[in-house]
């Protein structure tokens, strides 16, 4: 190995070690400008955040690496074109609101064309996908990524919920206070407060009995 290559590799390793050791500080110092000024908010690197002024962030939020926060203002984007298709661009007025003390282990993906609200003290595991719209599929002979976004409807996850690993939450859903959504669930319909829901599609499997002070099957 040449001396030049050894020097390059040495500095690459040193820079990598520095970034790893100071990643939290770097993440905080490179935070985008949100619609408000949250206190003690950390979104670890790597991350992808677009249209950040359409995002309201609570205090003491901690989101792990690989998170995407994407308010979509137009679809398809200017970068997504097709040389043979005339595609009418849709315009949206989206907003994402994340409450105080919300946490996510890693890879929380939130897409919004209208409104996604995450209330206080919600806990996300890893690999959560939330989208208040869906790709259209009205034509069977056109690539679906070029078809209009449809079924746009707000999503609300109320305070104190626990959203398990690999959960998908679709448009129009409200998850009530203090709910648990089991791992690998697809939530297509709203879930009442104080419930445990699981499956594809997610169904309520237990509810909290306030008088008996325990979970019961419905």
N, C-alpha and C. Protein backbone atom coordinates (compact mmCIF):
# COMPACT_ATOMS: atom_id res chain seq x y z
N UNK A 1 0.84 -1.19 0.00
CA UNK A 1 0.00 0.00 0.00
C UNK A 1 0.89 1.26 0.00
N UNK A 2 0.55 2.20 -0.85
CA UNK A 2 1.36 3.42 -0.97
C UNK A 2 1.19 4.29 0.27
N UNK A 3 2.18 5.15 0.49
CA UNK A 3 2.14 6.06 1.63
C UNK A 3 0.93 6.99 1.53
N UNK A 4 0.62 7.45 0.32
CA UNK A 4 -0.52 8.35 0.11
C UNK A 4 -1.81 7.68 0.55
N UNK A 5 -1.99 6.42 0.15
CA UNK A 5 -3.23 5.72 0.50
C UNK A 5 -3.32 5.48 2.01
N UNK A 6 -2.17 5.16 2.63
CA UNK A 6 -2.15 4.97 4.07
C UNK A 6 -2.57 6.24 4.81
N UNK A 7 -2.08 7.38 4.32
CA UNK A 7 -2.43 8.65 4.95
C UNK A 7 -3.92 8.94 4.80
N UNK A 8 -4.45 8.69 3.61
CA UNK A 8 -5.88 8.92 3.35
C UNK A 8 -6.73 8.04 4.27
N UNK A 9 -6.38 6.76 4.34
CA UNK A 9 -7.15 5.84 5.17
C UNK A 9 -7.07 6.23 6.64
N UNK A 10 -5.90 6.69 7.07
CA UNK A 10 -5.74 7.12 8.46
C UNK A 10 -6.70 8.26 8.80
N UNK A 11 -6.76 9.26 7.91
CA UNK A 11 -7.62 10.41 8.18
C UNK A 11 -9.09 10.05 8.05
N UNK A 12 -9.44 9.15 7.12
CA UNK A 12 -10.83 8.71 6.99
C UNK A 12 -11.28 8.02 8.28
N UNK A 13 -10.42 7.15 8.83
CA UNK A 13 -10.75 6.45 10.08
C UNK A 13 -10.89 7.44 11.23
N UNK A 14 -9.96 8.41 11.29
CA UNK A 14 -10.03 9.40 12.38
C UNK A 14 -11.28 10.25 12.29
N UNK A 15 -11.63 10.67 11.07
CA UNK A 15 -12.85 11.48 10.89
C UNK A 15 -14.09 10.66 11.25
N UNK A 16 -14.12 9.39 10.81
CA UNK A 16 -15.24 8.52 11.14
C UNK A 16 -15.40 8.34 12.63
N UNK A 17 -14.28 8.15 13.33
CA UNK A 17 -14.32 7.98 14.78
C UNK A 17 -14.81 9.25 15.46
N UNK A 18 -14.39 10.40 14.95
CA UNK A 18 -14.83 11.67 15.53
C UNK A 18 -16.34 11.85 15.36
N UNK A 19 -16.82 11.58 14.15
CA UNK A 19 -18.26 11.72 13.88
C UNK A 19 -19.06 10.78 14.77
N UNK A 20 -18.59 9.54 14.92
CA UNK A 20 -19.28 8.57 15.75
C UNK A 20 -19.34 9.04 17.21
N UNK A 21 -18.22 9.57 17.70
CA UNK A 21 -18.15 9.99 19.09
C UNK A 21 -18.96 11.25 19.36
N UNK A 22 -19.13 12.09 18.34
CA UNK A 22 -19.81 13.38 18.53
C UNK A 22 -21.09 13.49 17.70
N UNK A 23 -21.65 12.34 17.32
CA UNK A 23 -22.80 12.36 16.41
C UNK A 23 -24.00 13.09 17.00
N UNK A 24 -24.24 12.93 18.29
CA UNK A 24 -25.39 13.60 18.91
C UNK A 24 -25.24 15.12 18.86
N UNK A 25 -24.02 15.58 19.16
CA UNK A 25 -23.77 17.02 19.12
C UNK A 25 -23.90 17.56 17.71
N UNK A 26 -23.35 16.82 16.74
CA UNK A 26 -23.45 17.24 15.34
C UNK A 26 -24.91 17.28 14.90
N UNK A 27 -25.68 16.27 15.32
CA UNK A 27 -27.10 16.22 14.95
C UNK A 27 -27.84 17.43 15.48
N UNK A 28 -27.56 17.82 16.72
CA UNK A 28 -28.26 18.97 17.32
C UNK A 28 -27.85 20.28 16.64
N UNK A 29 -26.57 20.41 16.30
CA UNK A 29 -26.09 21.65 15.71
C UNK A 29 -26.52 21.82 14.25
N UNK A 30 -26.89 20.73 13.61
CA UNK A 30 -27.30 20.79 12.19
C UNK A 30 -28.81 20.63 12.04
N UNK A 31 -29.54 20.80 13.12
CA UNK A 31 -30.99 20.65 13.07
C UNK A 31 -31.60 21.69 12.13
N UNK A 32 -32.57 21.31 11.31
CA UNK A 32 -33.19 22.29 10.42
C UNK A 32 -34.08 23.26 11.20
N UNK A 33 -34.54 24.29 10.51
CA UNK A 33 -35.41 25.29 11.11
C UNK A 33 -36.85 24.81 11.00
N UNK A 34 -37.50 24.62 12.15
CA UNK A 34 -38.89 24.15 12.16
C UNK A 34 -39.86 25.34 12.22
N UNK A 35 -41.16 25.04 12.25
CA UNK A 35 -42.18 26.09 12.34
C UNK A 35 -42.13 26.79 13.69
N UNK A 36 -41.53 26.12 14.69
CA UNK A 36 -41.38 26.70 16.02
C UNK A 36 -39.93 26.51 16.47
N UNK A 37 -39.67 26.81 17.73
CA UNK A 37 -38.32 26.63 18.27
C UNK A 37 -38.38 25.65 19.45
N UNK A 38 -38.28 24.34 19.16
CA UNK A 38 -38.38 23.35 20.23
C UNK A 38 -37.15 23.36 21.12
N UNK A 39 -37.35 22.94 22.37
CA UNK A 39 -36.23 22.85 23.31
C UNK A 39 -35.76 21.42 23.47
N UNK A 40 -34.46 21.23 23.46
CA UNK A 40 -33.85 19.93 23.71
C UNK A 40 -34.40 18.86 22.76
N UNK A 41 -34.37 19.14 21.50
CA UNK A 41 -34.86 18.22 20.47
C UNK A 41 -33.67 17.58 19.76
N UNK A 42 -33.69 16.25 19.66
CA UNK A 42 -32.62 15.54 18.96
C UNK A 42 -33.20 14.59 17.93
N UNK A 43 -32.72 14.71 16.70
CA UNK A 43 -33.05 13.74 15.64
C UNK A 43 -31.71 13.27 15.11
N UNK A 44 -31.37 12.03 15.41
CA UNK A 44 -30.04 11.53 15.12
C UNK A 44 -29.78 11.40 13.62
N UNK A 45 -28.51 11.47 13.26
CA UNK A 45 -28.08 11.24 11.89
C UNK A 45 -27.90 9.75 11.64
N UNK A 46 -28.12 9.29 10.38
CA UNK A 46 -28.63 10.05 9.24
C UNK A 46 -30.13 10.29 9.37
N UNK A 47 -30.61 11.31 8.69
CA UNK A 47 -32.02 11.66 8.72
C UNK A 47 -32.37 12.36 7.41
N UNK A 48 -33.65 12.41 7.12
CA UNK A 48 -34.11 13.14 5.93
C UNK A 48 -35.32 13.96 6.33
N UNK A 49 -35.20 15.28 6.25
CA UNK A 49 -36.27 16.19 6.63
C UNK A 49 -36.43 17.21 5.51
N UNK A 50 -37.64 17.32 4.98
CA UNK A 50 -37.91 18.30 3.93
C UNK A 50 -39.01 19.26 4.41
N UNK A 51 -39.04 20.44 3.82
CA UNK A 51 -40.07 21.43 4.15
C UNK A 51 -40.22 21.57 5.67
N UNK A 52 -39.10 21.76 6.35
CA UNK A 52 -39.09 21.72 7.81
C UNK A 52 -39.96 22.80 8.46
N UNK A 53 -40.22 23.90 7.75
CA UNK A 53 -41.06 24.94 8.32
C UNK A 53 -42.53 24.55 8.35
N UNK A 54 -42.84 23.39 7.80
CA UNK A 54 -44.18 22.82 7.90
C UNK A 54 -44.24 21.74 9.00
N UNK A 55 -43.23 21.71 9.83
CA UNK A 55 -43.17 20.75 10.93
C UNK A 55 -43.11 21.52 12.25
N UNK A 56 -44.01 21.19 13.17
CA UNK A 56 -43.98 21.75 14.52
C UNK A 56 -43.49 20.65 15.46
N UNK A 57 -42.43 20.96 16.18
CA UNK A 57 -41.75 19.96 17.00
C UNK A 57 -41.85 20.32 18.47
N UNK A 58 -42.20 19.34 19.31
CA UNK A 58 -42.31 19.58 20.74
C UNK A 58 -40.96 19.61 21.43
N UNK A 59 -40.99 19.87 22.72
CA UNK A 59 -39.78 19.89 23.53
C UNK A 59 -39.39 18.46 23.95
N UNK A 60 -38.09 18.27 24.15
CA UNK A 60 -37.55 17.00 24.65
C UNK A 60 -37.92 15.81 23.77
N UNK A 61 -37.95 16.04 22.47
CA UNK A 61 -38.19 14.97 21.49
C UNK A 61 -36.85 14.28 21.20
N UNK A 62 -36.89 12.96 21.09
CA UNK A 62 -35.68 12.20 20.78
C UNK A 62 -36.02 11.13 19.75
N UNK A 63 -35.55 11.33 18.52
CA UNK A 63 -35.80 10.39 17.43
C UNK A 63 -34.48 9.78 16.98
N UNK A 64 -34.46 8.46 16.86
CA UNK A 64 -33.23 7.76 16.51
C UNK A 64 -32.87 7.92 15.04
N UNK A 65 -31.79 7.26 14.61
CA UNK A 65 -31.30 7.45 13.25
C UNK A 65 -32.26 6.89 12.20
N UNK A 66 -32.10 7.41 10.98
CA UNK A 66 -32.88 6.91 9.85
C UNK A 66 -34.29 7.45 9.76
N UNK A 67 -34.59 8.53 10.47
CA UNK A 67 -35.94 9.08 10.44
C UNK A 67 -36.17 9.97 9.22
N UNK A 68 -37.37 9.87 8.65
CA UNK A 68 -37.78 10.73 7.54
C UNK A 68 -39.02 11.50 7.99
N UNK A 69 -38.96 12.81 7.90
CA UNK A 69 -40.12 13.67 8.15
C UNK A 69 -40.36 14.45 6.88
N UNK A 70 -41.43 14.10 6.15
CA UNK A 70 -41.60 14.60 4.79
C UNK A 70 -43.01 15.18 4.59
N UNK A 71 -43.21 16.47 4.81
CA UNK A 71 -44.44 17.11 4.34
C UNK A 71 -44.34 17.30 2.82
N UNK A 72 -45.28 16.72 2.09
CA UNK A 72 -45.22 16.73 0.63
C UNK A 72 -46.08 17.89 0.10
N UNK A 73 -45.45 18.87 -0.51
CA UNK A 73 -46.18 20.03 -1.04
C UNK A 73 -46.57 19.87 -2.49
N UNK A 74 -45.88 18.99 -3.22
CA UNK A 74 -46.22 18.76 -4.63
C UNK A 74 -45.86 17.33 -5.01
N UNK A 75 -46.69 16.77 -5.89
CA UNK A 75 -46.42 15.41 -6.36
C UNK A 75 -46.91 15.25 -7.79
N UNK A 76 -46.10 14.64 -8.66
CA UNK A 76 -44.72 14.23 -8.39
C UNK A 76 -43.79 15.43 -8.32
N UNK A 77 -42.64 15.23 -7.70
CA UNK A 77 -41.67 16.32 -7.60
C UNK A 77 -41.06 16.58 -8.97
N UNK A 78 -40.38 17.69 -9.10
CA UNK A 78 -39.77 18.05 -10.38
C UNK A 78 -38.71 17.05 -10.80
N UNK A 79 -38.11 16.38 -9.83
CA UNK A 79 -37.09 15.39 -10.14
C UNK A 79 -37.68 14.10 -10.69
N UNK A 80 -38.96 13.86 -10.40
CA UNK A 80 -39.59 12.63 -10.85
C UNK A 80 -40.38 12.91 -12.13
N UNK A 81 -39.77 12.68 -13.26
CA UNK A 81 -40.42 12.91 -14.54
C UNK A 81 -40.31 11.67 -15.42
N UNK A 82 -41.11 11.65 -16.46
CA UNK A 82 -41.07 10.55 -17.43
C UNK A 82 -41.06 11.17 -18.82
N UNK A 83 -40.17 10.73 -19.69
CA UNK A 83 -40.04 11.38 -21.01
C UNK A 83 -41.26 11.23 -21.90
N UNK A 84 -42.13 10.24 -21.63
CA UNK A 84 -43.25 9.96 -22.52
C UNK A 84 -44.62 10.20 -21.89
N UNK A 85 -44.65 10.57 -20.63
CA UNK A 85 -45.92 10.74 -19.94
C UNK A 85 -46.13 12.20 -19.55
N UNK A 86 -47.34 12.69 -19.77
CA UNK A 86 -47.72 14.01 -19.29
C UNK A 86 -48.40 13.82 -17.93
N UNK A 87 -47.74 14.30 -16.89
CA UNK A 87 -48.21 14.07 -15.54
C UNK A 87 -48.61 15.39 -14.91
N UNK A 88 -49.86 15.50 -14.51
CA UNK A 88 -50.35 16.71 -13.85
C UNK A 88 -49.85 16.73 -12.41
N UNK A 89 -49.18 17.80 -12.02
CA UNK A 89 -48.62 17.90 -10.68
C UNK A 89 -49.69 18.31 -9.68
N UNK A 90 -49.76 17.58 -8.58
CA UNK A 90 -50.69 17.90 -7.49
C UNK A 90 -50.01 18.84 -6.49
N UNK A 91 -50.81 19.73 -5.90
CA UNK A 91 -50.32 20.66 -4.89
C UNK A 91 -51.00 20.35 -3.55
N UNK A 92 -50.21 20.37 -2.47
CA UNK A 92 -50.73 20.05 -1.14
C UNK A 92 -50.31 21.13 -0.14
N UNK A 93 -51.04 21.17 0.98
CA UNK A 93 -50.73 22.10 2.06
C UNK A 93 -50.57 21.29 3.36
N UNK A 94 -49.45 20.58 3.50
CA UNK A 94 -49.30 19.61 4.60
C UNK A 94 -48.71 20.23 5.86
N UNK A 95 -48.90 19.50 6.97
CA UNK A 95 -48.23 19.86 8.21
C UNK A 95 -48.06 18.62 9.07
N UNK A 96 -46.92 18.55 9.74
CA UNK A 96 -46.64 17.48 10.70
C UNK A 96 -46.43 18.13 12.07
N UNK A 97 -47.15 17.64 13.07
CA UNK A 97 -47.00 18.13 14.44
C UNK A 97 -46.56 16.98 15.33
N UNK A 98 -45.46 17.17 16.03
CA UNK A 98 -44.95 16.16 16.96
C UNK A 98 -44.90 16.79 18.34
N UNK A 99 -45.53 16.13 19.31
CA UNK A 99 -45.69 16.69 20.64
C UNK A 99 -44.46 16.57 21.52
N UNK A 100 -44.61 16.93 22.76
CA UNK A 100 -43.52 16.90 23.73
C UNK A 100 -43.15 15.47 24.12
N UNK A 101 -41.87 15.24 24.31
CA UNK A 101 -41.33 13.98 24.84
C UNK A 101 -41.66 12.77 23.96
N UNK A 102 -41.86 12.99 22.69
CA UNK A 102 -42.05 11.87 21.76
C UNK A 102 -40.70 11.22 21.50
N UNK A 103 -40.68 9.88 21.48
CA UNK A 103 -39.43 9.15 21.25
C UNK A 103 -39.63 8.10 20.16
N UNK A 104 -38.54 7.81 19.44
CA UNK A 104 -38.55 6.76 18.42
C UNK A 104 -37.18 6.09 18.43
N UNK A 105 -37.17 4.76 18.39
CA UNK A 105 -35.90 4.05 18.42
C UNK A 105 -35.09 4.33 17.16
N UNK A 106 -35.71 4.14 15.99
CA UNK A 106 -35.02 4.37 14.71
C UNK A 106 -36.01 4.21 13.57
N UNK A 107 -35.67 4.85 12.43
CA UNK A 107 -36.40 4.65 11.17
C UNK A 107 -37.90 4.92 11.29
N UNK A 108 -38.21 6.06 11.89
CA UNK A 108 -39.59 6.55 11.88
C UNK A 108 -39.79 7.35 10.61
N UNK A 109 -40.77 6.95 9.78
CA UNK A 109 -41.03 7.65 8.53
C UNK A 109 -42.44 8.23 8.56
N UNK A 110 -42.51 9.55 8.46
CA UNK A 110 -43.80 10.25 8.46
C UNK A 110 -43.90 11.06 7.18
N UNK A 111 -44.92 10.76 6.37
CA UNK A 111 -45.21 11.50 5.15
C UNK A 111 -46.58 12.15 5.32
N UNK A 112 -46.70 13.40 4.89
CA UNK A 112 -47.98 14.07 5.01
C UNK A 112 -48.29 14.91 3.78
N UNK A 113 -49.51 14.75 3.30
CA UNK A 113 -50.06 15.63 2.27
C UNK A 113 -51.10 16.57 2.86
N UNK A 114 -51.57 16.26 4.07
CA UNK A 114 -52.55 17.12 4.74
C UNK A 114 -52.14 17.39 6.19
N UNK A 115 -52.31 16.39 7.08
CA UNK A 115 -51.99 16.64 8.47
C UNK A 115 -51.72 15.33 9.20
N UNK A 116 -50.58 15.30 9.90
CA UNK A 116 -50.26 14.20 10.81
C UNK A 116 -49.95 14.82 12.16
N UNK A 117 -50.67 14.38 13.19
CA UNK A 117 -50.49 14.91 14.54
C UNK A 117 -50.07 13.77 15.47
N UNK A 118 -48.93 13.94 16.11
CA UNK A 118 -48.46 13.01 17.13
C UNK A 118 -48.50 13.77 18.46
N UNK A 119 -49.32 13.32 19.38
CA UNK A 119 -49.46 14.04 20.65
C UNK A 119 -48.34 13.68 21.62
N UNK A 120 -48.40 14.25 22.82
CA UNK A 120 -47.33 14.11 23.80
C UNK A 120 -47.10 12.65 24.23
N UNK A 121 -45.83 12.35 24.54
CA UNK A 121 -45.43 11.11 25.21
C UNK A 121 -45.73 9.84 24.41
N UNK A 122 -45.78 9.96 23.11
CA UNK A 122 -45.92 8.77 22.26
C UNK A 122 -44.55 8.11 22.11
N UNK A 123 -44.53 6.77 22.18
CA UNK A 123 -43.31 6.00 22.05
C UNK A 123 -43.39 5.13 20.79
N UNK A 124 -42.43 5.32 19.89
CA UNK A 124 -42.34 4.51 18.68
C UNK A 124 -41.17 3.54 18.80
N UNK A 125 -41.39 2.30 18.36
CA UNK A 125 -40.28 1.37 18.19
C UNK A 125 -39.59 1.72 16.86
N UNK A 126 -39.02 0.73 16.17
CA UNK A 126 -38.31 0.99 14.91
C UNK A 126 -39.18 0.64 13.69
N UNK A 127 -38.81 1.26 12.57
CA UNK A 127 -39.41 0.93 11.26
C UNK A 127 -40.91 1.18 11.24
N UNK A 128 -41.30 2.39 11.61
CA UNK A 128 -42.71 2.78 11.59
C UNK A 128 -42.96 3.62 10.34
N UNK A 129 -44.05 3.32 9.62
CA UNK A 129 -44.40 4.06 8.41
C UNK A 129 -45.77 4.69 8.61
N UNK A 130 -45.84 6.02 8.46
CA UNK A 130 -47.07 6.77 8.63
C UNK A 130 -47.26 7.65 7.40
N UNK A 131 -48.42 7.55 6.76
CA UNK A 131 -48.68 8.36 5.57
C UNK A 131 -50.17 8.67 5.49
N UNK A 132 -50.51 9.95 5.42
CA UNK A 132 -51.92 10.33 5.37
C UNK A 132 -52.48 10.33 3.95
N UNK A 133 -51.73 9.80 3.00
CA UNK A 133 -52.20 9.62 1.63
C UNK A 133 -51.69 8.31 1.07
N UNK A 134 -52.06 8.01 -0.17
CA UNK A 134 -51.65 6.74 -0.77
C UNK A 134 -51.46 6.94 -2.27
N UNK A 135 -50.52 6.19 -2.84
CA UNK A 135 -50.37 6.20 -4.30
C UNK A 135 -51.64 5.66 -4.96
N UNK A 136 -52.08 6.33 -6.03
CA UNK A 136 -53.25 5.87 -6.75
C UNK A 136 -52.95 4.62 -7.57
N UNK A 137 -54.02 3.90 -7.90
CA UNK A 137 -53.86 2.70 -8.73
C UNK A 137 -55.09 2.53 -9.64
N UNK A 138 -55.56 3.66 -10.16
CA UNK A 138 -56.76 3.64 -11.00
C UNK A 138 -56.47 3.11 -12.39
N UNK A 139 -55.20 3.13 -12.80
CA UNK A 139 -54.82 2.63 -14.12
C UNK A 139 -53.84 1.48 -13.96
N UNK A 140 -54.15 0.39 -14.63
CA UNK A 140 -53.32 -0.80 -14.51
C UNK A 140 -52.17 -0.87 -15.48
N UNK A 141 -52.03 0.14 -16.33
CA UNK A 141 -50.96 0.12 -17.34
C UNK A 141 -50.07 1.35 -17.25
N UNK A 142 -50.11 2.04 -16.11
CA UNK A 142 -49.26 3.21 -15.86
C UNK A 142 -48.49 2.95 -14.56
N UNK A 143 -47.17 3.17 -14.55
CA UNK A 143 -46.43 2.97 -13.30
C UNK A 143 -47.09 3.73 -12.15
N UNK A 144 -47.25 3.05 -11.03
CA UNK A 144 -48.03 3.62 -9.93
C UNK A 144 -47.39 4.87 -9.34
N UNK A 145 -46.07 4.99 -9.46
CA UNK A 145 -45.43 6.18 -8.90
C UNK A 145 -45.78 7.44 -9.68
N UNK A 146 -46.35 7.31 -10.89
CA UNK A 146 -46.76 8.47 -11.67
C UNK A 146 -48.26 8.74 -11.56
N UNK A 147 -48.98 7.91 -10.82
CA UNK A 147 -50.41 8.12 -10.66
C UNK A 147 -50.67 9.04 -9.47
N UNK A 148 -51.79 9.76 -9.46
CA UNK A 148 -52.03 10.77 -8.42
C UNK A 148 -52.09 10.19 -7.02
N UNK A 149 -51.68 11.00 -6.05
CA UNK A 149 -51.89 10.65 -4.65
C UNK A 149 -53.38 10.77 -4.35
N UNK A 150 -53.93 9.78 -3.66
CA UNK A 150 -55.35 9.81 -3.35
C UNK A 150 -55.58 9.34 -1.91
N UNK A 151 -56.85 9.31 -1.52
CA UNK A 151 -57.25 8.88 -0.17
C UNK A 151 -56.54 9.69 0.92
N UNK A 152 -56.35 10.97 0.67
CA UNK A 152 -55.66 11.83 1.63
C UNK A 152 -56.62 12.18 2.77
N UNK A 153 -56.20 11.85 4.00
CA UNK A 153 -57.04 12.11 5.17
C UNK A 153 -56.15 12.16 6.41
N UNK A 154 -56.39 13.11 7.33
CA UNK A 154 -55.49 13.33 8.46
C UNK A 154 -55.31 12.10 9.36
N UNK A 155 -54.16 12.05 10.01
CA UNK A 155 -53.84 11.01 10.99
C UNK A 155 -53.56 11.69 12.33
N UNK A 156 -54.11 11.11 13.40
CA UNK A 156 -53.81 11.57 14.75
C UNK A 156 -53.45 10.38 15.63
N UNK A 157 -52.32 10.49 16.31
CA UNK A 157 -51.94 9.51 17.32
C UNK A 157 -51.95 10.25 18.65
N UNK A 158 -52.89 9.91 19.52
CA UNK A 158 -53.09 10.69 20.74
C UNK A 158 -52.08 10.30 21.82
N UNK A 159 -52.12 11.05 22.90
CA UNK A 159 -51.05 11.02 23.90
C UNK A 159 -50.86 9.63 24.53
N UNK A 160 -49.60 9.35 24.86
CA UNK A 160 -49.28 8.19 25.66
C UNK A 160 -49.27 6.86 24.95
N UNK A 161 -49.38 6.85 23.62
CA UNK A 161 -49.46 5.57 22.89
C UNK A 161 -48.08 4.92 22.75
N UNK A 162 -48.11 3.62 22.53
CA UNK A 162 -46.91 2.83 22.24
C UNK A 162 -47.16 2.15 20.90
N UNK A 163 -46.34 2.50 19.92
CA UNK A 163 -46.47 1.95 18.57
C UNK A 163 -45.33 0.96 18.35
N UNK A 164 -45.66 -0.31 18.14
CA UNK A 164 -44.66 -1.37 18.08
C UNK A 164 -43.89 -1.43 16.78
N UNK A 165 -42.97 -2.39 16.74
CA UNK A 165 -42.05 -2.56 15.62
C UNK A 165 -42.78 -2.82 14.30
N UNK A 166 -42.31 -2.15 13.23
CA UNK A 166 -42.77 -2.42 11.86
C UNK A 166 -44.25 -2.11 11.63
N UNK A 167 -44.79 -1.15 12.33
CA UNK A 167 -46.20 -0.79 12.18
C UNK A 167 -46.39 0.17 11.01
N UNK A 168 -47.50 -0.01 10.27
CA UNK A 168 -47.91 0.89 9.20
C UNK A 168 -49.22 1.55 9.60
N UNK A 169 -49.29 2.88 9.54
CA UNK A 169 -50.51 3.61 9.89
C UNK A 169 -50.95 4.41 8.67
N UNK A 170 -52.17 4.17 8.21
CA UNK A 170 -52.67 4.74 6.97
C UNK A 170 -53.58 5.93 7.21
N UNK A 171 -53.90 6.66 6.14
CA UNK A 171 -54.67 7.88 6.21
C UNK A 171 -56.04 7.70 6.83
N UNK A 172 -56.51 8.73 7.52
CA UNK A 172 -57.83 8.74 8.13
C UNK A 172 -57.91 8.08 9.49
N UNK A 173 -56.79 7.61 10.01
CA UNK A 173 -56.78 6.87 11.27
C UNK A 173 -56.58 7.83 12.44
N UNK A 174 -57.35 7.62 13.50
CA UNK A 174 -57.09 8.22 14.80
C UNK A 174 -56.85 7.09 15.79
N UNK A 175 -55.71 7.14 16.46
CA UNK A 175 -55.41 6.17 17.51
C UNK A 175 -55.60 6.89 18.83
N UNK A 176 -56.52 6.39 19.64
CA UNK A 176 -56.90 7.07 20.88
C UNK A 176 -55.81 7.07 21.92
N UNK A 177 -56.08 7.73 23.03
CA UNK A 177 -55.09 7.88 24.10
C UNK A 177 -54.72 6.52 24.70
N UNK A 178 -53.45 6.39 25.05
CA UNK A 178 -52.93 5.24 25.78
C UNK A 178 -53.23 3.90 25.10
N UNK A 179 -53.05 3.88 23.80
CA UNK A 179 -53.22 2.63 23.04
C UNK A 179 -51.86 1.97 22.81
N UNK A 180 -51.91 0.67 22.57
CA UNK A 180 -50.75 -0.11 22.16
C UNK A 180 -51.07 -0.71 20.80
N UNK A 181 -50.16 -0.53 19.84
CA UNK A 181 -50.32 -1.15 18.53
C UNK A 181 -49.23 -2.22 18.41
N UNK A 182 -49.65 -3.48 18.25
CA UNK A 182 -48.71 -4.59 18.23
C UNK A 182 -47.80 -4.58 17.02
N UNK A 183 -46.64 -5.22 17.16
CA UNK A 183 -45.64 -5.27 16.10
C UNK A 183 -46.22 -5.85 14.82
N UNK A 184 -45.76 -5.31 13.68
CA UNK A 184 -46.12 -5.79 12.34
C UNK A 184 -47.58 -5.53 11.97
N UNK A 185 -48.24 -4.62 12.66
CA UNK A 185 -49.65 -4.34 12.38
C UNK A 185 -49.79 -3.30 11.27
N UNK A 186 -50.90 -3.39 10.54
CA UNK A 186 -51.29 -2.37 9.56
C UNK A 186 -52.59 -1.75 10.05
N UNK A 187 -52.53 -0.47 10.41
CA UNK A 187 -53.68 0.20 11.01
C UNK A 187 -54.43 0.96 9.91
N UNK A 188 -55.59 0.43 9.53
CA UNK A 188 -56.41 1.03 8.48
C UNK A 188 -57.62 1.76 9.05
N UNK A 189 -58.04 1.38 10.28
CA UNK A 189 -59.21 1.97 10.91
C UNK A 189 -58.83 2.53 12.27
N UNK A 190 -59.62 3.49 12.73
CA UNK A 190 -59.33 4.14 14.01
C UNK A 190 -59.42 3.15 15.17
N UNK A 191 -58.66 3.46 16.21
CA UNK A 191 -58.58 2.59 17.39
C UNK A 191 -59.03 3.40 18.60
N UNK A 192 -60.02 2.91 19.39
CA UNK A 192 -60.48 3.68 20.55
C UNK A 192 -59.43 3.74 21.65
N UNK A 193 -59.54 4.74 22.51
CA UNK A 193 -58.58 4.92 23.59
C UNK A 193 -58.51 3.69 24.49
N UNK A 194 -57.36 3.53 25.13
CA UNK A 194 -57.15 2.46 26.11
C UNK A 194 -57.39 1.08 25.50
N UNK A 195 -56.85 0.89 24.30
CA UNK A 195 -57.01 -0.39 23.61
C UNK A 195 -55.65 -0.94 23.19
N UNK A 196 -55.59 -2.26 23.01
CA UNK A 196 -54.47 -2.92 22.36
C UNK A 196 -54.99 -3.46 21.04
N UNK A 197 -54.36 -3.07 19.94
CA UNK A 197 -54.77 -3.52 18.61
C UNK A 197 -53.59 -4.17 17.92
N UNK A 198 -53.87 -5.20 17.13
CA UNK A 198 -52.79 -5.91 16.44
C UNK A 198 -53.36 -6.61 15.22
N UNK A 199 -52.47 -6.91 14.26
CA UNK A 199 -52.85 -7.68 13.08
C UNK A 199 -52.86 -6.86 11.81
N UNK A 200 -53.20 -7.53 10.71
CA UNK A 200 -53.29 -6.91 9.39
C UNK A 200 -54.60 -7.35 8.74
N UNK A 201 -55.63 -6.48 8.76
CA UNK A 201 -55.64 -5.15 9.39
C UNK A 201 -55.74 -5.25 10.91
N UNK A 202 -55.28 -4.21 11.60
CA UNK A 202 -55.28 -4.21 13.06
C UNK A 202 -56.70 -4.26 13.61
N UNK A 203 -56.89 -5.10 14.61
CA UNK A 203 -58.16 -5.22 15.32
C UNK A 203 -57.91 -5.12 16.82
N UNK A 204 -58.88 -4.59 17.55
CA UNK A 204 -58.75 -4.48 19.00
C UNK A 204 -58.81 -5.87 19.62
N UNK A 205 -57.78 -6.21 20.40
CA UNK A 205 -57.73 -7.53 21.04
C UNK A 205 -57.90 -7.44 22.56
N UNK A 206 -57.64 -6.24 23.11
CA UNK A 206 -57.85 -6.03 24.54
C UNK A 206 -58.21 -4.57 24.79
N UNK A 207 -58.97 -4.35 25.86
CA UNK A 207 -59.27 -2.99 26.29
C UNK A 207 -59.00 -2.87 27.79
N UNK A 208 -58.69 -1.67 28.23
CA UNK A 208 -58.39 -1.45 29.64
C UNK A 208 -59.68 -1.25 30.42
N UNK A 209 -59.89 -2.09 31.43
CA UNK A 209 -61.05 -1.99 32.32
C UNK A 209 -60.65 -1.12 33.51
N UNK A 210 -61.17 0.11 33.56
CA UNK A 210 -60.77 1.05 34.60
C UNK A 210 -61.25 0.59 35.99
N UNK A 211 -62.40 -0.08 36.05
CA UNK A 211 -62.90 -0.54 37.35
C UNK A 211 -62.10 -1.72 37.87
N UNK A 212 -61.79 -2.67 36.99
CA UNK A 212 -61.01 -3.84 37.41
C UNK A 212 -59.52 -3.56 37.42
N UNK A 213 -59.12 -2.46 36.80
CA UNK A 213 -57.71 -2.05 36.74
C UNK A 213 -56.84 -3.10 36.04
N UNK A 214 -57.33 -3.61 34.91
CA UNK A 214 -56.56 -4.58 34.14
C UNK A 214 -57.08 -4.65 32.71
N UNK A 215 -56.26 -5.26 31.82
CA UNK A 215 -56.66 -5.45 30.43
C UNK A 215 -57.64 -6.63 30.33
N UNK A 216 -58.66 -6.46 29.47
CA UNK A 216 -59.64 -7.52 29.25
C UNK A 216 -59.89 -7.68 27.76
N UNK A 217 -60.23 -8.89 27.36
CA UNK A 217 -60.61 -9.12 25.96
C UNK A 217 -61.98 -8.54 25.74
N UNK A 218 -62.22 -7.94 24.56
CA UNK A 218 -63.53 -7.31 24.31
C UNK A 218 -64.63 -8.36 24.12
